[in-house]
C-alpha atoms as a PDB file:
ATOM      1  CA  MET A   1       9.607   3.063  -3.448  1.00  0.00           C
ATOM      2  CA  ALA A   2       7.304   1.124  -1.105  1.00  0.00           C
ATOM      3  CA  GLU A   3       5.409   4.338  -0.344  1.00  0.00           C
ATOM      4  CA  SER A   4       4.945   5.296  -4.000  1.00  0.00           C
ATOM      5  CA  PHE A   5       2.148   2.893  -4.944  1.00  0.00           C
ATOM      6  CA  GLY A   6      -0.631   4.873  -3.269  1.00  0.00           C
ATOM      7  CA  SER A   7      -0.051   7.910  -5.485  1.00  0.00           C
ATOM      8  CA  ASP A   8      -2.648   6.477  -7.872  1.00  0.00           C
ATOM      9  CA  ALA A   9      -4.442   3.804  -5.900  1.00  0.00           C
ATOM     10  CA  GLU A  10      -7.338   3.518  -8.347  1.00  0.00           C
ATOM     11  CA  ARG A  11      -5.009   2.831 -11.279  1.00  0.00           C
ATOM     12  CA  TYR A  12      -3.173   0.269  -9.145  1.00  0.00           C
ATOM     13  CA  ASP A  13      -6.394  -1.543  -8.240  1.00  0.00           C
ATOM     14  CA  ARG A  14      -7.700  -1.409 -11.801  1.00  0.00           C
ATOM     15  CA  ASN A  15      -4.595  -2.833 -13.436  1.00  0.00           C
ATOM     16  CA  ARG A  16      -2.579  -5.003 -11.106  1.00  0.00           C
ATOM     17  CA  PRO A  17      -3.121  -8.665 -12.016  1.00  0.00           C
ATOM     18  CA  ARG A  18      -5.184 -10.877  -9.757  1.00  0.00           C
ATOM     19  CA  TYR A  19      -4.016 -14.322  -8.634  1.00  0.00           C
ATOM     20  CA  PRO A  20      -5.035 -17.691 -10.076  1.00  0.00           C
ATOM     21  CA  GLY A  21      -7.903 -19.405  -8.310  1.00  0.00           C
ATOM     22  CA  ALA A  22      -5.818 -22.563  -7.844  1.00  0.00           C
ATOM     23  CA  MET A  23      -3.309 -20.579  -5.771  1.00  0.00           C
ATOM     24  CA  ILE A  24      -6.000 -19.079  -3.546  1.00  0.00           C
ATOM     25  CA  GLU A  25      -7.577 -22.517  -3.073  1.00  0.00           C
ATOM     26  CA  ALA A  26      -4.236 -24.126  -2.162  1.00  0.00           C
ATOM     27  CA  ILE A  27      -3.575 -21.545   0.549  1.00  0.00           C
ATOM     28  CA  VAL A  28      -7.121 -21.738   1.926  1.00  0.00           C
ATOM     29  CA  THR A  29      -7.277 -25.534   2.018  1.00  0.00           C
ATOM     30  CA  GLY A  30      -3.767 -25.676   3.493  1.00  0.00           C
ATOM     31  CA  SER A  31      -4.753 -23.470   6.446  1.00  0.00           C
ATOM     32  CA  PRO A  32      -6.523 -24.707   9.595  1.00  0.00           C
ATOM     33  CA  GLY A  33      -9.360 -22.175   9.410  1.00  0.00           C
ATOM     34  CA  PRO A  34     -10.803 -19.155   7.609  1.00  0.00           C
ATOM     35  CA  ARG A  35      -9.259 -16.260   9.538  1.00  0.00           C
ATOM     36  CA  VAL A  36      -6.672 -14.488   7.339  1.00  0.00           C
ATOM     37  CA  LEU A  37      -4.371 -11.555   8.030  1.00  0.00           C
ATOM     38  CA  ASP A  38      -3.314 -10.014   4.709  1.00  0.00           C
ATOM     39  CA  VAL A  39      -0.041  -8.120   5.172  1.00  0.00           C
ATOM     40  CA  GLY A  40       0.551  -5.135   2.905  1.00  0.00           C
ATOM     41  CA  CYS A  41      -2.931  -5.643   1.499  1.00  0.00           C
ATOM     42  CA  GLY A  42      -2.736  -2.567  -0.735  1.00  0.00           C
ATOM     43  CA  THR A  43      -6.098  -1.903  -2.351  1.00  0.00           C
ATOM     44  CA  GLY A  44      -7.386  -5.323  -1.307  1.00  0.00           C
ATOM     45  CA  ILE A  45      -6.800  -7.294  -4.512  1.00  0.00           C
ATOM     46  CA  ALA A  46      -5.787 -10.565  -2.846  1.00  0.00           C
ATOM     47  CA  ALA A  47      -7.947  -9.902   0.226  1.00  0.00           C
ATOM     48  CA  ARG A  48     -11.096  -9.815  -1.904  1.00  0.00           C
ATOM     49  CA  GLN A  49     -10.117 -13.098  -3.546  1.00  0.00           C
ATOM     50  CA  PHE A  50      -9.694 -14.717  -0.138  1.00  0.00           C
ATOM     51  CA  GLN A  51     -13.060 -13.278   0.948  1.00  0.00           C
ATOM     52  CA  ASP A  52     -14.692 -14.740  -2.157  1.00  0.00           C
ATOM     53  CA  ALA A  53     -13.197 -18.116  -1.137  1.00  0.00           C
ATOM     54  CA  GLY A  54     -15.005 -17.915   2.218  1.00  0.00           C
ATOM     55  CA  CYS A  55     -12.290 -16.387   4.409  1.00  0.00           C
ATOM     56  CA  ARG A  56     -12.641 -13.677   7.041  1.00  0.00           C
ATOM     57  CA  VAL A  57      -9.890 -11.232   6.144  1.00  0.00           C
ATOM     58  CA  LEU A  58      -8.229  -8.388   8.014  1.00  0.00           C
ATOM     59  CA  GLY A  59      -5.776  -6.300   6.026  1.00  0.00           C
ATOM     60  CA  VAL A  60      -2.765  -4.414   7.355  1.00  0.00           C
ATOM     61  CA  GLU A  61      -1.506  -1.661   5.036  1.00  0.00           C
ATOM     62  CA  PRO A  62       0.960   1.171   5.753  1.00  0.00           C
ATOM     63  CA  ASP A  63      -0.388   3.505   3.037  1.00  0.00           C
ATOM     64  CA  ALA A  64      -3.614   5.195   4.113  1.00  0.00           C
ATOM     65  CA  ARG A  65      -4.549   5.944   0.482  1.00  0.00           C
ATOM     66  CA  MET A  66      -4.384   2.283  -0.494  1.00  0.00           C
ATOM     67  CA  ALA A  67      -6.207   1.262   2.686  1.00  0.00           C
ATOM     68  CA  ALA A  68      -9.042   3.731   1.992  1.00  0.00           C
ATOM     69  CA  LEU A  69      -9.689   2.177  -1.415  1.00  0.00           C
ATOM     70  CA  ALA A  70      -9.586  -1.340   0.057  1.00  0.00           C
ATOM     71  CA  ARG A  71     -12.199  -0.333   2.617  1.00  0.00           C
ATOM     72  CA  ARG A  72     -14.444   1.021  -0.133  1.00  0.00           C
ATOM     73  CA  THR A  73     -14.341  -2.409  -1.779  1.00  0.00           C
ATOM     74  CA  GLY A  74     -15.386  -4.206   1.398  1.00  0.00           C
ATOM     75  CA  VAL A  75     -12.072  -5.106   3.047  1.00  0.00           C
ATOM     76  CA  GLU A  76     -11.470  -4.383   6.721  1.00  0.00           C
ATOM     77  CA  VAL A  77      -8.063  -2.685   6.998  1.00  0.00           C
ATOM     78  CA  GLU A  78      -5.881  -1.305   9.779  1.00  0.00           C
ATOM     79  CA  VAL A  79      -3.237   1.247   8.775  1.00  0.00           C
ATOM     80  CA  ALA A  80       0.244   0.297   9.967  1.00  0.00           C
ATOM     81  CA  SER A  81       3.377  -1.433   8.856  1.00  0.00           C
ATOM     82  CA  PHE A  82       3.292  -5.103   9.811  1.00  0.00           C
ATOM     83  CA  GLU A  83       6.301  -4.659  12.080  1.00  0.00           C
ATOM     84  CA  ASP A  84       4.513  -1.889  14.071  1.00  0.00           C
ATOM     85  CA  TRP A  85       0.975  -3.295  13.904  1.00  0.00           C
ATOM     86  CA  ASP A  86      -0.649  -4.293  17.222  1.00  0.00           C
ATOM     87  CA  PRO A  87      -2.481  -7.638  16.982  1.00  0.00           C
ATOM     88  CA  ALA A  88      -4.226  -6.903  20.309  1.00  0.00           C
ATOM     89  CA  GLY A  89      -4.379 -10.573  21.226  1.00  0.00           C
ATOM     90  CA  ARG A  90      -5.922 -11.681  17.931  1.00  0.00           C
ATOM     91  CA  ALA A  91      -4.870 -14.940  16.266  1.00  0.00           C
ATOM     92  CA  PHE A  92      -5.121 -16.047  12.639  1.00  0.00           C
ATOM     93  CA  ASP A  93      -5.183 -19.241  10.607  1.00  0.00           C
ATOM     94  CA  ALA A  94      -3.117 -17.741   7.807  1.00  0.00           C
ATOM     95  CA  VAL A  95      -0.844 -14.755   7.329  1.00  0.00           C
ATOM     96  CA  THR A  96      -0.636 -13.841   3.648  1.00  0.00           C
ATOM     97  CA  ALA A  97       1.232 -11.203   1.669  1.00  0.00           C
ATOM     98  CA  GLY A  98       0.717 -10.545  -2.044  1.00  0.00           C
ATOM     99  CA  GLN A  99       3.514  -8.583  -3.773  1.00  0.00           C
ATOM    100  CA  ALA A 100       4.441  -7.250  -0.328  1.00  0.00           C
ATOM    101  CA  TRP A 101       6.616  -9.582   1.771  1.00  0.00           C
ATOM    102  CA  HIS A 102       9.853  -8.206   0.285  1.00  0.00           C
ATOM    103  CA  TRP A 103       8.968  -4.875   1.930  1.00  0.00           C
ATOM    104  CA  VAL A 104       8.716  -6.556   5.366  1.00  0.00           C
ATOM    105  CA  ASP A 105      11.778  -6.925   7.592  1.00  0.00           C
ATOM    106  CA  PRO A 106      13.028 -10.450   6.765  1.00  0.00           C
ATOM    107  CA  ALA A 107      13.715 -11.294  10.430  1.00  0.00           C
ATOM    108  CA  ALA A 108      10.969  -9.417  12.270  1.00  0.00           C
ATOM    109  CA  GLY A 109       8.203 -10.390   9.824  1.00  0.00           C
ATOM    110  CA  PRO A 110       8.324 -14.194  10.181  1.00  0.00           C
ATOM    111  CA  ALA A 111       8.857 -13.911  13.943  1.00  0.00           C
ATOM    112  CA  LYS A 112       5.731 -11.771  14.293  1.00  0.00           C
ATOM    113  CA  ALA A 113       3.735 -14.079  12.019  1.00  0.00           C
ATOM    114  CA  ALA A 114       4.669 -17.018  14.248  1.00  0.00           C
ATOM    115  CA  ARG A 115       3.332 -15.172  17.306  1.00  0.00           C
ATOM    116  CA  ILE A 116      -0.100 -14.505  15.802  1.00  0.00           C
ATOM    117  CA  LEU A 117      -0.728 -17.784  13.974  1.00  0.00           C
ATOM    118  CA  ARG A 118      -2.827 -20.557  15.468  1.00  0.00           C
ATOM    119  CA  PRO A 119      -1.291 -24.070  15.687  1.00  0.00           C
ATOM    120  CA  GLY A 120      -0.844 -25.361  12.150  1.00  0.00           C
ATOM    121  CA  GLY A 121      -1.321 -21.857  10.772  1.00  0.00           C
ATOM    122  CA  ARG A 122       0.157 -20.986   7.406  1.00  0.00           C
ATOM    123  CA  LEU A 123       2.444 -18.143   6.371  1.00  0.00           C
ATOM    124  CA  ALA A 124       2.164 -17.611   2.611  1.00  0.00           C
ATOM    125  CA  ALA A 125       3.979 -14.882   0.708  1.00  0.00           C
ATOM    126  CA  PHE A 126       3.288 -14.728  -3.020  1.00  0.00           C
ATOM    127  CA  TRP A 127       4.192 -12.747  -6.106  1.00  0.00           C
ATOM    128  CA  ASN A 128       3.079 -12.585  -9.729  1.00  0.00           C
ATOM    129  CA  VAL A 129       6.308 -12.826 -11.738  1.00  0.00           C
ATOM    130  CA  PHE A 130       5.777 -11.844 -15.365  1.00  0.00           C
ATOM    131  CA  ARG A 131       7.491 -13.148 -18.489  1.00  0.00           C
ATOM    132  CA  PRO A 132       6.691 -11.495 -21.840  1.00  0.00           C
ATOM    133  CA  PRO A 133       7.273 -13.343 -25.115  1.00  0.00           C
ATOM    134  CA  PRO A 134      11.074 -13.407 -25.697  1.00  0.00           C
ATOM    135  CA  ASP A 135      11.173 -10.994 -28.649  1.00  0.00           C
ATOM    136  CA  LEU A 136       8.865  -8.563 -26.892  1.00  0.00           C
ATOM    137  CA  GLY A 137      10.862  -8.811 -23.673  1.00  0.00           C
ATOM    138  CA  GLU A 138      14.046  -7.899 -25.513  1.00  0.00           C
ATOM    139  CA  ALA A 139      12.318  -4.958 -27.169  1.00  0.00           C
ATOM    140  CA  PHE A 140      10.940  -3.740 -23.828  1.00  0.00           C
ATOM    141  CA  SER A 141      14.436  -3.998 -22.320  1.00  0.00           C
ATOM    142  CA  ALA A 142      15.860  -1.921 -25.159  1.00  0.00           C
ATOM    143  CA  VAL A 143      13.338   0.839 -24.435  1.00  0.00           C
ATOM    144  CA  TYR A 144      14.259   0.884 -20.731  1.00  0.00           C
ATOM    145  CA  ARG A 145      17.993   0.973 -21.561  1.00  0.00           C
ATOM    146  CA  ARG A 146      17.465   3.855 -23.983  1.00  0.00           C
ATOM    147  CA  VAL A 147      15.207   5.966 -21.796  1.00  0.00           C
ATOM    148  CA  LEU A 148      16.660   5.086 -18.380  1.00  0.00           C
ATOM    149  CA  PRO A 149      20.244   3.951 -19.016  1.00  0.00           C
ATOM    150  CA  ASP A 150      21.240   4.225 -15.352  1.00  0.00           C
ATOM    151  CA  SER A 151      18.230   2.334 -13.974  1.00  0.00           C
ATOM    152  CA  PRO A 152      18.336  -1.443 -13.423  1.00  0.00           C
ATOM    153  CA  ILE A 153      14.593  -1.529 -12.877  1.00  0.00           C
ATOM    154  CA  PHE A 154      13.504  -3.685 -15.828  1.00  0.00           C
ATOM    155  CA  SER A 155      16.296  -6.225 -15.432  1.00  0.00           C
ATOM    156  CA  ARG A 156      15.423  -6.456 -11.733  1.00  0.00           C
ATOM    157  CA  MET A 157      11.759  -6.978 -12.593  1.00  0.00           C
ATOM    158  CA  LEU A 158      12.619  -9.600 -15.215  1.00  0.00           C
ATOM    159  CA  PRO A 159      15.068 -12.219 -13.853  1.00  0.00           C
ATOM    160  CA  PRO A 160      16.239 -15.143 -16.007  1.00  0.00           C
ATOM    161  CA  PRO A 161      13.463 -17.726 -16.520  1.00  0.00           C
ATOM    162  CA  GLY A 162      12.954 -19.803 -13.394  1.00  0.00           C
ATOM    163  CA  ASP A 163      15.558 -17.868 -11.387  1.00  0.00           C
ATOM    164  CA  HIS A 164      13.823 -16.362  -8.370  1.00  0.00           C
ATOM    165  CA  THR A 165      16.888 -16.362  -6.121  1.00  0.00           C
ATOM    166  CA  ALA A 166      17.014 -12.608  -5.649  1.00  0.00           C
ATOM    167  CA  LEU A 167      13.350 -12.456  -4.697  1.00  0.00           C
ATOM    168  CA  LEU A 168      13.232 -15.477  -2.373  1.00  0.00           C
ATOM    169  CA  ALA A 169      16.636 -15.692  -0.686  1.00  0.00           C
ATOM    170  CA  LYS A 170      15.979 -13.313   2.211  1.00  0.00           C
ATOM    171  CA  PRO A 171      12.375 -14.470   2.841  1.00  0.00           C
ATOM    172  CA  ILE A 172      13.540 -18.110   2.932  1.00  0.00           C
ATOM    173  CA  ASP A 173      16.312 -17.312   5.394  1.00  0.00           C
ATOM    174  CA  GLY A 174      13.890 -15.343   7.558  1.00  0.00           C
ATOM    175  CA  MET A 175      11.359 -18.183   7.721  1.00  0.00           C
ATOM    176  CA  ARG A 176      14.056 -20.760   8.463  1.00  0.00           C
ATOM    177  CA  ALA A 177      15.383 -18.631  11.317  1.00  0.00           C
ATOM    178  CA  VAL A 178      12.099 -19.059  13.235  1.00  0.00           C
ATOM    179  CA  ASP A 179      12.225 -22.447  14.968  1.00  0.00           C
ATOM    180  CA  ALA A 180       8.440 -22.617  15.197  1.00  0.00           C
ATOM    181  CA  PHE A 181       8.084 -22.958  11.416  1.00  0.00           C
ATOM    182  CA  GLY A 182       8.610 -25.976   9.221  1.00  0.00           C
ATOM    183  CA  ASP A 183      10.928 -25.818   6.222  1.00  0.00           C
ATOM    184  CA  PRO A 184       9.617 -23.352   3.595  1.00  0.00           C
ATOM    185  CA  GLU A 185       8.050 -24.723   0.423  1.00  0.00           C
ATOM    186  CA  GLN A 186       7.846 -23.094  -3.008  1.00  0.00           C
ATOM    187  CA  TRP A 187       4.647 -23.481  -5.033  1.00  0.00           C
ATOM    188  CA  ASN A 188       4.350 -22.316  -8.650  1.00  0.00           C
ATOM    189  CA  PHE A 189       1.103 -21.621 -10.489  1.00  0.00           C
ATOM    190  CA  GLU A 190       1.422 -20.807 -14.189  1.00  0.00           C
ATOM    191  CA  TRP A 191      -1.141 -18.641 -15.939  1.00  0.00           C
ATOM    192  CA  GLU A 192      -1.493 -16.178 -18.824  1.00  0.00           C
ATOM    193  CA  ARG A 193      -3.310 -12.964 -19.635  1.00  0.00           C
ATOM    194  CA  ASP A 194      -3.835 -11.144 -22.917  1.00  0.00           C
ATOM    195  CA  TYR A 195      -3.096  -7.408 -22.999  1.00  0.00           C
ATOM    196  CA  THR A 196      -3.923  -4.728 -25.505  1.00  0.00           C
ATOM    197  CA  ARG A 197      -1.484  -1.863 -25.952  1.00  0.00           C
ATOM    198  CA  ASP A 198      -3.595   0.502 -23.850  1.00  0.00           C
ATOM    199  CA  GLU A 199      -4.120  -2.051 -21.072  1.00  0.00           C
ATOM    200  CA  TRP A 200      -0.384  -2.652 -20.682  1.00  0.00           C
ATOM    201  CA  LEU A 201       0.445   1.064 -20.788  1.00  0.00           C
ATOM    202  CA  ASP A 202      -2.115   1.656 -18.025  1.00  0.00           C
ATOM    203  CA  LEU A 203      -0.431  -1.020 -15.898  1.00  0.00           C
ATOM    204  CA  VAL A 204       3.221  -0.005 -16.351  1.00  0.00           C
ATOM    205  CA  PRO A 205       3.123   3.082 -14.065  1.00  0.00           C
ATOM    206  CA  THR A 206       1.858   0.901 -11.166  1.00  0.00           C
ATOM    207  CA  SER A 207       5.060  -1.167 -11.154  1.00  0.00           C
ATOM    208  CA  GLY A 208       7.625  -0.519  -8.438  1.00  0.00           C
ATOM    209  CA  GLY A 209       9.659   2.633  -8.964  1.00  0.00           C
ATOM    210  CA  HIS A 210       7.850   3.967 -12.018  1.00  0.00           C
ATOM    211  CA  THR A 211       6.032   6.676 -10.079  1.00  0.00           C
ATOM    212  CA  LEU A 212       9.434   8.040  -9.047  1.00  0.00           C
ATOM    213  CA  PHE A 213      10.436   8.838 -12.647  1.00  0.00           C
ATOM    214  CA  SER A 214       9.956  12.374 -13.920  1.00  0.00           C
ATOM    215  CA  PRO A 215       6.733  12.853 -15.904  1.00  0.00           C
ATOM    216  CA  ALA A 216       8.780  13.461 -19.054  1.00  0.00           C
ATOM    217  CA  LYS A 217      10.799  10.253 -18.641  1.00  0.00           C
ATOM    218  CA  LEU A 218       7.689   8.227 -17.851  1.00  0.00           C
ATOM    219  CA  GLU A 219       5.953   9.594 -20.948  1.00  0.00           C
ATOM    220  CA  GLU A 220       9.000   8.779 -23.088  1.00  0.00           C
ATOM    221  CA  LEU A 221       9.096   5.281 -21.645  1.00  0.00           C
ATOM    222  CA  LEU A 222       5.394   4.663 -22.285  1.00  0.00           C
ATOM    223  CA  THR A 223       5.675   5.985 -25.832  1.00  0.00           C
ATOM    224  CA  GLY A 224       8.527   3.594 -26.557  1.00  0.00           C
ATOM    225  CA  ILE A 225       6.723   0.618 -25.032  1.00  0.00           C
ATOM    226  CA  GLY A 226       3.578   1.489 -26.969  1.00  0.00           C
ATOM    227  CA  GLU A 227       5.538   1.532 -30.230  1.00  0.00           C
ATOM    228  CA  VAL A 228       6.926  -1.938 -29.432  1.00  0.00           C
ATOM    229  CA  ILE A 229       3.429  -3.334 -28.846  1.00  0.00           C
ATOM    230  CA  ASP A 230       2.093  -1.642 -31.981  1.00  0.00           C
ATOM    231  CA  ALA A 231       4.864  -3.298 -33.990  1.00  0.00           C
ATOM    232  CA  ALA A 232       3.819  -6.649 -32.504  1.00  0.00           C
ATOM    233  CA  GLY A 233       0.245  -6.211 -33.707  1.00  0.00           C
ATOM    234  CA  GLY A 234      -1.234  -4.127 -30.897  1.00  0.00           C
ATOM    235  CA  SER A 235      -1.593  -6.861 -28.295  1.00  0.00           C
ATOM    236  CA  PHE A 236       0.317  -9.716 -26.698  1.00  0.00           C
ATOM    237  CA  THR A 237       0.035 -12.551 -24.179  1.00  0.00           C
ATOM    238  CA  MET A 238       1.907 -12.187 -20.899  1.00  0.00           C
ATOM    239  CA  HIS A 239       2.950 -15.346 -19.089  1.00  0.00           C
ATOM    240  CA  TYR A 240       2.808 -15.188 -15.303  1.00  0.00           C
ATOM    241  CA  THR A 241       4.082 -17.441 -12.550  1.00  0.00           C
ATOM    242  CA  ALA A 242       2.248 -16.991  -9.276  1.00  0.00           C
ATOM    243  CA  LEU A 243       5.144 -17.829  -6.986  1.00  0.00           C
ATOM    244  CA  VAL A 244       4.300 -18.841  -3.418  1.00  0.00           C
ATOM    245  CA  LEU A 245       6.756 -19.160  -0.543  1.00  0.00           C
ATOM    246  CA  THR A 246       4.984 -20.848   2.338  1.00  0.00           C
ATOM    247  CA  THR A 247       5.515 -22.582   5.652  1.00  0.00           C
ATOM    248  CA  THR A 248       3.365 -23.728   8.568  1.00  0.00           C
ATOM    249  CA  LEU A 249       3.584 -23.249  12.320  1.00  0.00           C
ATOM    250  CA  THR A 250       4.737 -26.601  13.668  1.00  0.00           C
ATOM    251  CA  ARG A 251       4.941 -25.559  17.322  1.00  0.00           C
ATOM    252  CA  PRO A 252       3.934 -22.502  19.390  1.00  0.00           C
END
């Protein structure tokens, strides 16, 4: 699944939601300097936001297709998984990962971050967790159950409100296992975005696992979701929580 996102990198970059400015500012001001390593940078969505905030960003991305698009948008990227990437003696003020840290080995990732961070450096993994209006969420779920009865994908994408245990448990344990880090903190940034029917249908195929469905099943799924949005008036407001799991290097 992790290797499926680059199959349509332009769609991914066009549709995946950005991150609230307050989140970017909190990470930048909570780091000792401007040098950022963005792990699993994808097409450079978060990297460009950090660059706009004055940071010097290097991306690491295992998918060459995603990395190529990021480079075209002005992000310096090296193609590798974070676990295999060679820092070549370089050090960073922050190691960030947007929608990507759950793909990193939960033990090896924090240990490597600790080795490349400067004193006081920050490790910040973050995710946009979406929450549609309740009635719409139930209708979306019904479409997934009808079209893909054996797939848990939508329920996995949509945990109970405020319950991020499944997403954060392993990353928290991994950070705590590295003695050089302080205790992890969780930051939440709430924000909303309005979507038209066509905008949401353009985004859905970029979500994890959707590119692995057969074209016929994906088309059936999108048709059903489109009908739900049409019945709701053709547009809706999605609530997002930008969820940050972060810690700082307290000793080398």
